[in-house]
């Protein structure tokens, strides 16, 4: 694994742990939520910008991303 891919993997792992702890979830529950809304892919694709931010900002960004996806899903259904 090259250095960049390793850095991205560490960053995504950090985000999963932060989300899990902030929401009081198990690792499995956190992964289910993050995968359901495409957040893992988002974190990887936007690593260059996101990894420079603090954990509180990242949690806010993650919550906003999930809220947006939930809203989009409601609009498609209704």
C-alpha atoms as a PDB file:
ATOM      1  CA  UNK A   1       0.000   0.000   0.000  1.00  0.00           C
ATOM      2  CA  UNK A   2       1.468   3.343  -0.984  1.00  0.00           C
ATOM      3  CA  UNK A   3       1.746   6.182   1.521  1.00  0.00           C
ATOM      4  CA  UNK A   4      -1.225   8.157   0.204  1.00  0.00           C
ATOM      5  CA  UNK A   5      -3.570   5.183   0.341  1.00  0.00           C
ATOM      6  CA  UNK A   6      -2.365   4.432   3.866  1.00  0.00           C
ATOM      7  CA  UNK A   7      -2.979   8.044   4.923  1.00  0.00           C
ATOM      8  CA  UNK A   8      -6.509   7.908   3.517  1.00  0.00           C
ATOM      9  CA  UNK A   9      -7.181   4.600   5.291  1.00  0.00           C
ATOM     10  CA  UNK A  10      -5.975   6.046   8.603  1.00  0.00           C
ATOM     11  CA  UNK A  11      -8.099   9.150   8.095  1.00  0.00           C
ATOM     12  CA  UNK A  12     -11.255   7.174   7.320  1.00  0.00           C
ATOM     13  CA  UNK A  13     -10.600   4.964  10.360  1.00  0.00           C
ATOM     14  CA  UNK A  14     -10.222   8.083  12.495  1.00  0.00           C
ATOM     15  CA  UNK A  15     -13.529   9.443  11.184  1.00  0.00           C
ATOM     16  CA  UNK A  16     -15.309   6.155  11.877  1.00  0.00           C
ATOM     17  CA  UNK A  17     -14.022   6.127  15.455  1.00  0.00           C
ATOM     18  CA  UNK A  18     -14.962   9.764  16.017  1.00  0.00           C
ATOM     19  CA  UNK A  19     -18.467   9.189  14.650  1.00  0.00           C
ATOM     20  CA  UNK A  20     -18.913   5.981  16.644  1.00  0.00           C
ATOM     21  CA  UNK A  21     -17.882   7.628  19.888  1.00  0.00           C
ATOM     22  CA  UNK A  22     -19.894  10.810  19.315  1.00  0.00           C
ATOM     23  CA  UNK A  23     -23.079   8.860  18.561  1.00  0.00           C
ATOM     24  CA  UNK A  24     -22.596   6.102  21.145  1.00  0.00           C
ATOM     25  CA  UNK A  25     -22.609   3.392  18.486  1.00  0.00           C
ATOM     26  CA  UNK A  26     -20.743   0.144  18.080  1.00  0.00           C
ATOM     27  CA  UNK A  27     -18.232  -0.037  15.256  1.00  0.00           C
ATOM     28  CA  UNK A  28     -20.638  -2.178  13.257  1.00  0.00           C
ATOM     29  CA  UNK A  29     -23.506   0.274  13.754  1.00  0.00           C
ATOM     30  CA  UNK A  30     -21.327   3.202  12.718  1.00  0.00           C
ATOM     31  CA  UNK A  31     -20.151   1.389   9.604  1.00  0.00           C
ATOM     32  CA  UNK A  32     -23.742   0.553   8.664  1.00  0.00           C
ATOM     33  CA  UNK A  33     -24.768   4.218   8.854  1.00  0.00           C
ATOM     34  CA  UNK A  34     -21.696   5.525   7.051  1.00  0.00           C
ATOM     35  CA  UNK A  35     -21.988   2.962   4.264  1.00  0.00           C
ATOM     36  CA  UNK A  36     -25.750   3.483   3.899  1.00  0.00           C
ATOM     37  CA  UNK A  37     -25.325   7.170   3.131  1.00  0.00           C
ATOM     38  CA  UNK A  38     -22.133   6.905   1.063  1.00  0.00           C
ATOM     39  CA  UNK A  39     -20.055   8.769   3.600  1.00  0.00           C
ATOM     40  CA  UNK A  40     -17.048   6.441   3.433  1.00  0.00           C
ATOM     41  CA  UNK A  41     -16.646   7.119  -0.273  1.00  0.00           C
ATOM     42  CA  UNK A  42     -17.076  10.861   0.342  1.00  0.00           C
ATOM     43  CA  UNK A  43     -14.374  10.845   3.018  1.00  0.00           C
ATOM     44  CA  UNK A  44     -11.964   9.062   0.688  1.00  0.00           C
ATOM     45  CA  UNK A  45     -12.686  11.245  -2.354  1.00  0.00           C
ATOM     46  CA  UNK A  46     -12.314  14.487  -0.400  1.00  0.00           C
ATOM     47  CA  UNK A  47      -9.427  13.444   1.827  1.00  0.00           C
ATOM     48  CA  UNK A  48      -7.190  16.287   0.652  1.00  0.00           C
ATOM     49  CA  UNK A  49      -9.508  18.920   2.086  1.00  0.00           C
ATOM     50  CA  UNK A  50     -11.154  17.041   4.935  1.00  0.00           C
ATOM     51  CA  UNK A  51      -8.049  15.709   6.656  1.00  0.00           C
ATOM     52  CA  UNK A  52      -6.913  19.245   7.413  1.00  0.00           C
ATOM     53  CA  UNK A  53      -9.949  19.901   9.617  1.00  0.00           C
ATOM     54  CA  UNK A  54     -10.459  19.271  13.326  1.00  0.00           C
ATOM     55  CA  UNK A  55     -12.559  16.432  14.667  1.00  0.00           C
ATOM     56  CA  UNK A  56     -15.490  18.657  15.716  1.00  0.00           C
ATOM     57  CA  UNK A  57     -15.690  20.192  12.263  1.00  0.00           C
ATOM     58  CA  UNK A  58     -15.496  16.714  10.710  1.00  0.00           C
ATOM     59  CA  UNK A  59     -18.356  15.454  12.865  1.00  0.00           C
ATOM     60  CA  UNK A  60     -20.477  18.433  11.860  1.00  0.00           C
ATOM     61  CA  UNK A  61     -19.614  17.828   8.204  1.00  0.00           C
ATOM     62  CA  UNK A  62     -20.505  14.148   8.524  1.00  0.00           C
ATOM     63  CA  UNK A  63     -23.845  14.947  10.183  1.00  0.00           C
ATOM     64  CA  UNK A  64     -24.679  17.505   7.490  1.00  0.00           C
ATOM     65  CA  UNK A  65     -23.756  15.045   4.742  1.00  0.00           C
ATOM     66  CA  UNK A  66     -26.017  12.360   6.250  1.00  0.00           C
ATOM     67  CA  UNK A  67     -28.868  14.847   6.765  1.00  0.00           C
ATOM     68  CA  UNK A  68     -28.580  15.925   3.131  1.00  0.00           C
ATOM     69  CA  UNK A  69     -28.698  12.316   1.933  1.00  0.00           C
ATOM     70  CA  UNK A  70     -31.732  11.620   4.121  1.00  0.00           C
ATOM     71  CA  UNK A  71     -33.489  14.671   2.663  1.00  0.00           C
ATOM     72  CA  UNK A  72     -32.653  13.580  -0.877  1.00  0.00           C
ATOM     73  CA  UNK A  73     -34.089  10.132  -0.146  1.00  0.00           C
ATOM     74  CA  UNK A  74     -37.331  11.690   1.158  1.00  0.00           C
ATOM     75  CA  UNK A  75     -37.651  13.820  -1.971  1.00  0.00           C
ATOM     76  CA  UNK A  76     -37.249  10.802  -4.216  1.00  0.00           C
ATOM     77  CA  UNK A  77     -39.902   8.870  -2.293  1.00  0.00           C
ATOM     78  CA  UNK A  78     -42.414  11.612  -2.020  1.00  0.00           C
END
